[in-house]
């Protein structure tokens, strides 16, 4: 159970969410680790059934990691404790009980006290309505914060990134910004694999490949697995000839995947989270892929991040390269 600071804030939240957006030049840099989330709530939301419901949103398992890891690194405080450094945290969820509220609502504000920053305000007339709203909108709230945090990390990567990976991918007509320690590259036909090569612990990897688009729907799980396994078998071998990367299968040979259609930066993309393993070997871990269509080039473009870190947390490692997937763009020769 987290330590909870049950204090009062008065009318500060009303001022916070009604003020106009500050000029970017006047804002401090936001604070916090990549997966951190601050929750600010009234004392009655921080106990019993109310707290259980809140924790089901902010303290749930992260999807697609293959092991139990929290979706956020969450800190919960009471309203009065919301001052000083807390105001500068990059991701904040504010809960408010207001009997005058006709129906529960959720609002989002950006760059209020720092930059970049997101503040999500959920308001409901009663504790019961708040619990119901949080339960129904659990994934929506989680995704709102995850998208912001990935975009924030992508912003950092645009300033400091792996130049080796960028140059190698430019030869295939695209450009990307991934963590700077992903420096070793291997190229193939319409394919690139870049790795940190950390020797089996906290290893992060970026993969890119394309194939012709026939005008059909790319959000097809069977097609995705077929293409992925074919590409990985040909390009990501193990230490022995009979070893190669493949998508992990569960019961009855069904691939272990968490797919969904997404819109990222205004473009429709097929996001697939899953588990990989080395066939005839002992390596494995989580991956995330983004599948999109380059209509101008008439081809399907797939980017993937995967990690191998058997003895440590995988959440932040995977998100570091997942953020890089969002920076992909066609390369324009100067």
Protein backbone atom coordinates (compact mmCIF):
# COMPACT_ATOMS: atom_id res chain seq x y z
CA UNK A 1 0.00 0.00 0.00
CA UNK A 2 1.35 3.40 -0.94
CA UNK A 3 1.91 6.10 1.64
CA UNK A 4 -0.93 8.58 1.19
CA UNK A 5 -0.77 12.23 2.12
CA UNK A 6 -4.36 13.23 2.86
CA UNK A 7 -4.41 17.01 2.87
CA UNK A 8 -6.63 19.76 1.47
CA UNK A 9 -6.11 22.18 -1.39
CA UNK A 10 -9.02 24.61 -1.16
CA UNK A 11 -9.90 26.37 -4.40
CA UNK A 12 -6.52 26.01 -6.12
CA UNK A 13 -7.68 23.36 -8.61
CA UNK A 14 -10.43 25.64 -9.86
CA UNK A 15 -7.86 28.30 -10.61
CA UNK A 16 -5.49 25.73 -12.09
CA UNK A 17 -7.89 24.42 -14.69
CA UNK A 18 -9.55 27.75 -15.57
CA UNK A 19 -6.39 29.76 -16.19
CA UNK A 20 -5.17 30.41 -19.67
CA UNK A 21 -2.17 28.53 -21.04
CA UNK A 22 1.08 30.22 -20.09
CA UNK A 23 3.59 31.32 -22.67
CA UNK A 24 6.08 28.48 -23.28
CA UNK A 25 9.07 30.75 -22.60
CA UNK A 26 7.85 31.38 -19.03
CA UNK A 27 7.42 27.74 -18.08
CA UNK A 28 9.87 25.63 -16.12
CA UNK A 29 10.98 22.25 -17.41
CA UNK A 30 8.69 19.48 -16.17
CA UNK A 31 10.03 17.00 -13.64
CA UNK A 32 9.80 13.26 -13.14
CA UNK A 33 11.02 9.92 -14.47
CA UNK A 34 9.54 8.65 -17.76
CA UNK A 35 6.80 6.48 -16.21
CA UNK A 36 5.95 8.64 -13.20
CA UNK A 37 2.37 9.70 -12.52
CA UNK A 38 1.14 12.02 -9.77
CA UNK A 39 -2.42 11.56 -8.49
CA UNK A 40 -4.03 14.40 -6.52
CA UNK A 41 -7.29 13.46 -4.82
CA UNK A 42 -9.58 14.39 -1.87
CA UNK A 43 -9.13 12.33 1.32
CA UNK A 44 -12.30 10.28 0.81
CA UNK A 45 -10.98 8.97 -2.51
CA UNK A 46 -7.87 7.65 -0.78
CA UNK A 47 -9.39 4.90 1.31
CA UNK A 48 -11.33 1.67 1.03
CA UNK A 49 -13.27 0.87 -2.12
CA UNK A 50 -12.47 4.27 -3.61
CA UNK A 51 -8.72 3.69 -3.36
CA UNK A 52 -9.07 0.15 -4.76
CA UNK A 53 -10.83 1.56 -7.84
CA UNK A 54 -8.23 4.28 -8.25
CA UNK A 55 -5.40 1.74 -7.99
CA UNK A 56 -7.05 -0.42 -10.66
CA UNK A 57 -6.40 2.49 -13.04
CA UNK A 58 -3.01 3.83 -11.98
CA UNK A 59 -1.42 0.79 -10.34
CA UNK A 60 -2.42 -1.94 -12.79
CA UNK A 61 -0.08 -4.21 -14.73
CA UNK A 62 1.48 -2.77 -17.87
CA UNK A 63 0.25 -4.71 -20.92
CA UNK A 64 2.45 -6.91 -23.05
CA UNK A 65 5.54 -7.33 -20.86
CA UNK A 66 5.21 -11.01 -20.04
CA UNK A 67 5.69 -10.32 -16.32
CA UNK A 68 3.95 -8.22 -13.68
CA UNK A 69 5.19 -4.63 -13.79
CA UNK A 70 3.20 -1.55 -12.85
CA UNK A 71 1.91 0.54 -15.74
CA UNK A 72 3.07 3.74 -13.98
CA UNK A 73 5.40 4.69 -11.16
CA UNK A 74 2.56 6.25 -9.18
CA UNK A 75 2.59 8.76 -6.33
CA UNK A 76 -0.71 9.61 -4.62
CA UNK A 77 -1.10 12.75 -2.51
CA UNK A 78 -3.94 14.66 -0.89
CA UNK A 79 -5.13 17.97 -2.29
CA UNK A 80 -3.35 20.23 0.21
CA UNK A 81 -0.02 18.60 -0.56
CA UNK A 82 -0.16 19.77 -4.16
CA UNK A 83 2.43 22.54 -4.21
CA UNK A 84 6.03 23.35 -5.10
CA UNK A 85 7.76 20.49 -6.94
CA UNK A 86 4.54 18.50 -7.37
CA UNK A 87 3.17 21.19 -9.67
CA UNK A 88 6.11 20.60 -12.00
CA UNK A 89 5.58 16.86 -12.47
CA UNK A 90 4.98 15.99 -16.11
CA UNK A 91 1.96 13.68 -15.68
CA UNK A 92 -0.85 14.47 -13.24
CA UNK A 93 -4.30 13.01 -12.55
CA UNK A 94 -6.60 15.24 -10.48
CA UNK A 95 -9.82 13.87 -8.96
CA UNK A 96 -12.54 16.22 -7.71
CA UNK A 97 -15.87 15.53 -6.01
CA UNK A 98 -18.36 18.31 -6.77
CA UNK A 99 -22.05 17.73 -5.81
CA UNK A 100 -23.07 20.35 -8.40
CA UNK A 101 -21.59 18.25 -11.24
CA UNK A 102 -24.48 16.95 -13.39
CA UNK A 103 -22.53 14.05 -14.85
CA UNK A 104 -18.93 12.85 -14.57
CA UNK A 105 -16.47 14.51 -16.93
CA UNK A 106 -12.84 14.29 -17.94
CA UNK A 107 -10.79 17.25 -19.12
CA UNK A 108 -7.19 17.51 -20.30
CA UNK A 109 -4.87 20.52 -19.95
CA UNK A 110 -1.32 20.87 -21.25
CA UNK A 111 1.66 22.90 -20.02
CA UNK A 112 -0.08 24.59 -17.08
CA UNK A 113 2.86 24.87 -14.67
CA UNK A 114 5.70 23.28 -16.66
CA UNK A 115 6.56 22.08 -20.14
CA UNK A 116 5.90 19.49 -21.41
CA UNK A 117 3.13 18.58 -18.99
CA UNK A 118 -0.29 16.93 -18.99
CA UNK A 119 -2.99 17.31 -16.35
CA UNK A 120 -6.13 15.19 -16.50
CA UNK A 121 -9.06 16.34 -14.35
CA UNK A 122 -11.89 13.92 -13.54
CA UNK A 123 -14.90 15.48 -11.80
CA UNK A 124 -17.94 13.65 -10.43
CA UNK A 125 -20.83 14.50 -8.11
CA UNK A 126 -20.24 11.58 -5.72
CA UNK A 127 -17.72 8.92 -4.80
CA UNK A 128 -19.89 6.24 -6.42
CA UNK A 129 -20.05 8.16 -9.71
CA UNK A 130 -16.30 8.72 -9.55
CA UNK A 131 -15.68 4.99 -9.07
CA UNK A 132 -17.97 4.12 -11.97
CA UNK A 133 -16.34 6.67 -14.27
CA UNK A 134 -12.81 5.51 -13.41
CA UNK A 135 -13.74 1.88 -13.98
CA UNK A 136 -15.44 2.47 -17.34
CA UNK A 137 -12.72 4.84 -18.59
CA UNK A 138 -9.76 2.92 -17.19
CA UNK A 139 -8.04 2.22 -20.51
CA UNK A 140 -8.85 5.68 -21.89
CA UNK A 141 -7.14 7.34 -18.92
CA UNK A 142 -4.15 5.01 -19.09
CA UNK A 143 -3.72 5.56 -22.83
CA UNK A 144 -3.95 9.34 -22.45
CA UNK A 145 -0.99 9.33 -20.08
CA UNK A 146 0.98 6.68 -21.97
CA UNK A 147 0.69 8.58 -25.26
CA UNK A 148 1.84 11.79 -23.61
CA UNK A 149 4.78 10.11 -21.90
CA UNK A 150 5.90 8.42 -25.12
CA UNK A 151 5.63 11.70 -27.03
CA UNK A 152 7.60 13.46 -24.29
CA UNK A 153 10.37 10.87 -24.56
CA UNK A 154 10.28 11.14 -28.37
CA UNK A 155 10.91 14.87 -27.98
CA UNK A 156 14.08 14.13 -26.03
CA UNK A 157 15.18 11.62 -28.67
CA UNK A 158 14.92 14.22 -31.41
CA UNK A 159 17.69 16.10 -29.61
CA UNK A 160 19.90 13.16 -28.64
CA UNK A 161 19.70 9.98 -30.69
CA UNK A 162 21.62 7.19 -32.40
CA UNK A 163 23.22 8.74 -35.46
CA UNK A 164 24.43 5.30 -36.62
CA UNK A 165 20.87 4.00 -36.75
CA UNK A 166 19.60 7.16 -38.42
CA UNK A 167 22.22 7.02 -41.18
CA UNK A 168 21.67 3.30 -41.79
CA UNK A 169 17.91 3.78 -42.11
CA UNK A 170 18.27 6.74 -44.46
CA UNK A 171 19.68 4.32 -47.04
CA UNK A 172 16.26 2.63 -46.99
CA UNK A 173 14.44 5.93 -47.54
CA UNK A 174 13.40 6.68 -43.96
CA UNK A 175 14.76 8.33 -40.84
CA UNK A 176 14.25 7.66 -37.13
CA UNK A 177 15.41 8.81 -33.70
CA UNK A 178 16.10 5.99 -31.26
CA UNK A 179 18.18 5.95 -28.03
CA UNK A 180 21.84 6.76 -28.66
CA UNK A 181 23.12 3.45 -27.29
CA UNK A 182 21.34 1.55 -30.08
CA UNK A 183 24.45 1.87 -32.19
CA UNK A 184 25.23 -1.50 -33.83
CA UNK A 185 23.37 -2.03 -37.11
CA UNK A 186 22.72 -4.89 -39.51
CA UNK A 187 21.09 -4.20 -42.87
CA UNK A 188 19.30 -6.54 -45.25
CA UNK A 189 16.85 -6.31 -48.14
CA UNK A 190 14.25 -3.74 -47.03
CA UNK A 191 15.38 -4.46 -43.48
CA UNK A 192 17.38 -2.92 -40.64
CA UNK A 193 18.21 -4.24 -37.18
CA UNK A 194 19.92 -1.92 -34.70
CA UNK A 195 20.95 -3.04 -31.21
CA UNK A 196 22.60 -1.78 -28.03
CA UNK A 197 24.56 -5.07 -27.83
CA UNK A 198 24.78 -5.00 -24.04
CA UNK A 199 25.64 -8.66 -23.77
CA UNK A 200 22.38 -10.12 -22.57
CA UNK A 201 21.11 -7.62 -19.97
CA UNK A 202 19.10 -4.44 -20.54
CA UNK A 203 19.54 -4.93 -24.27
CA UNK A 204 17.29 -2.71 -26.43
CA UNK A 205 16.71 -3.19 -30.15
CA UNK A 206 15.10 -1.45 -33.11
CA UNK A 207 13.84 -3.27 -36.21
CA UNK A 208 12.56 -1.85 -39.50
CA UNK A 209 11.19 -3.69 -42.53
CA UNK A 210 8.84 -3.08 -45.45
CA UNK A 211 6.82 -5.15 -47.90
CA UNK A 212 4.57 -4.27 -50.87
CA UNK A 213 1.07 -3.05 -50.08
CA UNK A 214 -1.70 -4.59 -52.16
CA UNK A 215 -4.35 -2.13 -50.99
CA UNK A 216 -5.68 -4.50 -48.33
CA UNK A 217 -6.17 -4.13 -44.59
CA UNK A 218 -2.89 -4.37 -42.66
CA UNK A 219 -4.64 -4.71 -39.30
CA UNK A 220 -4.67 -8.46 -39.67
CA UNK A 221 -3.13 -10.51 -36.86
CA UNK A 222 -2.44 -13.61 -38.95
CA UNK A 223 -0.76 -11.53 -41.67
CA UNK A 224 1.27 -9.64 -39.10
CA UNK A 225 2.61 -12.84 -37.49
CA UNK A 226 3.34 -14.42 -40.88
CA UNK A 227 5.35 -11.40 -42.06
CA UNK A 228 7.10 -10.87 -38.73
CA UNK A 229 8.18 -14.48 -38.30
CA UNK A 230 9.42 -14.68 -41.89
CA UNK A 231 11.49 -11.49 -41.57
CA UNK A 232 12.90 -12.36 -38.14
CA UNK A 233 13.84 -15.91 -39.14
CA UNK A 234 15.81 -14.58 -42.09
CA UNK A 235 17.47 -11.66 -40.30
CA UNK A 236 17.68 -12.22 -36.53
CA UNK A 237 19.54 -15.50 -35.94
CA UNK A 238 20.75 -17.05 -32.72
CA UNK A 239 24.20 -18.37 -31.92
CA UNK A 240 23.48 -21.72 -33.65
CA UNK A 241 22.17 -22.38 -37.18
CA UNK A 242 18.90 -23.82 -35.83
CA UNK A 243 18.15 -20.74 -33.70
CA UNK A 244 16.14 -17.71 -34.84
CA UNK A 245 13.66 -15.21 -33.44
CA UNK A 246 9.96 -16.01 -33.58
CA UNK A 247 6.70 -14.82 -32.04
CA UNK A 248 5.86 -16.66 -28.82
CA UNK A 249 2.89 -19.04 -28.98
CA UNK A 250 0.64 -19.87 -26.08
CA UNK A 251 -2.04 -22.51 -25.71
CA UNK A 252 -3.02 -24.29 -28.94
CA UNK A 253 -0.26 -22.45 -30.76
CA UNK A 254 -1.97 -19.05 -30.58
CA UNK A 255 0.49 -16.12 -30.75
CA UNK A 256 0.77 -14.12 -27.52
CA UNK A 257 -0.26 -10.66 -28.77
CA UNK A 258 -2.11 -7.52 -27.67
CA UNK A 259 -3.13 -5.77 -30.94
CA UNK A 260 -5.14 -2.58 -31.41
CA UNK A 261 -5.83 0.06 -34.04
CA UNK A 262 -4.36 3.41 -33.11
CA UNK A 263 -4.07 6.92 -34.46
CA UNK A 264 -0.61 8.36 -33.79
CA UNK A 265 0.26 11.85 -35.02
CA UNK A 266 -2.92 11.79 -37.06
CA UNK A 267 -2.01 8.59 -38.94
CA UNK A 268 -3.81 5.27 -38.60
CA UNK A 269 -1.46 2.58 -37.33
CA UNK A 270 -1.75 -1.01 -36.19
CA UNK A 271 -0.07 -1.37 -32.81
CA UNK A 272 0.89 -4.89 -31.78
CA UNK A 273 2.40 -5.76 -28.41
CA UNK A 274 3.62 -9.28 -27.91
CA UNK A 275 6.27 -11.69 -26.72
CA UNK A 276 9.21 -13.03 -28.70
CA UNK A 277 11.49 -15.99 -28.14
CA UNK A 278 14.56 -17.57 -29.70
CA UNK A 279 13.51 -20.85 -31.31
CA UNK A 280 15.59 -23.73 -29.94
CA UNK A 281 17.12 -21.31 -27.43
CA UNK A 282 16.44 -19.72 -24.05
CA UNK A 283 16.16 -16.02 -24.90
CA UNK A 284 12.91 -14.07 -24.98
CA UNK A 285 11.11 -10.91 -23.97
CA UNK A 286 8.50 -8.32 -24.97
CA UNK A 287 8.18 -6.35 -28.20
CA UNK A 288 5.97 -3.63 -29.63
CA UNK A 289 5.39 -3.04 -33.35
CA UNK A 290 3.78 -0.22 -35.31
CA UNK A 291 2.44 -1.10 -38.75
CA UNK A 292 1.52 1.70 -41.14
CA UNK A 293 0.95 2.19 -44.86
CA UNK A 294 3.15 4.46 -46.96
CA UNK A 295 0.61 5.17 -49.68
CA UNK A 296 3.08 7.18 -51.77
CA UNK A 297 5.53 4.28 -51.91
CA UNK A 298 2.74 1.65 -52.00
CA UNK A 299 4.32 -0.32 -49.20
CA UNK A 300 3.67 -1.42 -45.64
CA UNK A 301 6.19 -0.07 -43.14
CA UNK A 302 6.82 -1.93 -39.88
CA UNK A 303 8.91 -0.63 -36.99
CA UNK A 304 9.54 -2.65 -33.87
CA UNK A 305 11.26 -2.31 -30.54
CA UNK A 306 12.18 -5.39 -28.53
CA UNK A 307 14.17 -5.92 -25.36
CA UNK A 308 16.09 -8.70 -23.67
CA UNK A 309 16.52 -8.18 -19.96
CA UNK A 310 15.83 -11.40 -18.02
CA UNK A 311 16.94 -10.12 -14.62
CA UNK A 312 15.55 -6.58 -14.54
CA UNK A 313 12.49 -4.46 -15.29
CA UNK A 314 11.51 -4.24 -18.95
CA UNK A 315 8.88 -1.48 -18.87
CA UNK A 316 11.13 1.57 -19.16
CA UNK A 317 13.53 -0.18 -21.55
CA UNK A 318 10.75 -1.03 -23.97
CA UNK A 319 9.18 2.42 -23.73
CA UNK A 320 12.50 4.07 -24.51
CA UNK A 321 12.64 2.42 -27.92
CA UNK A 322 8.84 2.55 -28.39
CA UNK A 323 9.07 6.34 -28.16
CA UNK A 324 11.57 6.22 -30.99
CA UNK A 325 9.10 4.38 -33.23
CA UNK A 326 6.97 7.53 -33.19
CA UNK A 327 9.74 9.58 -34.79
CA UNK A 328 9.84 7.60 -38.05
CA UNK A 329 9.45 9.68 -41.21
CA UNK A 330 10.43 9.47 -44.88
CA UNK A 331 13.99 10.65 -45.49
CA UNK A 332 14.36 13.68 -47.73
CA UNK A 333 17.75 13.89 -49.39
CA UNK A 334 19.36 17.31 -49.12
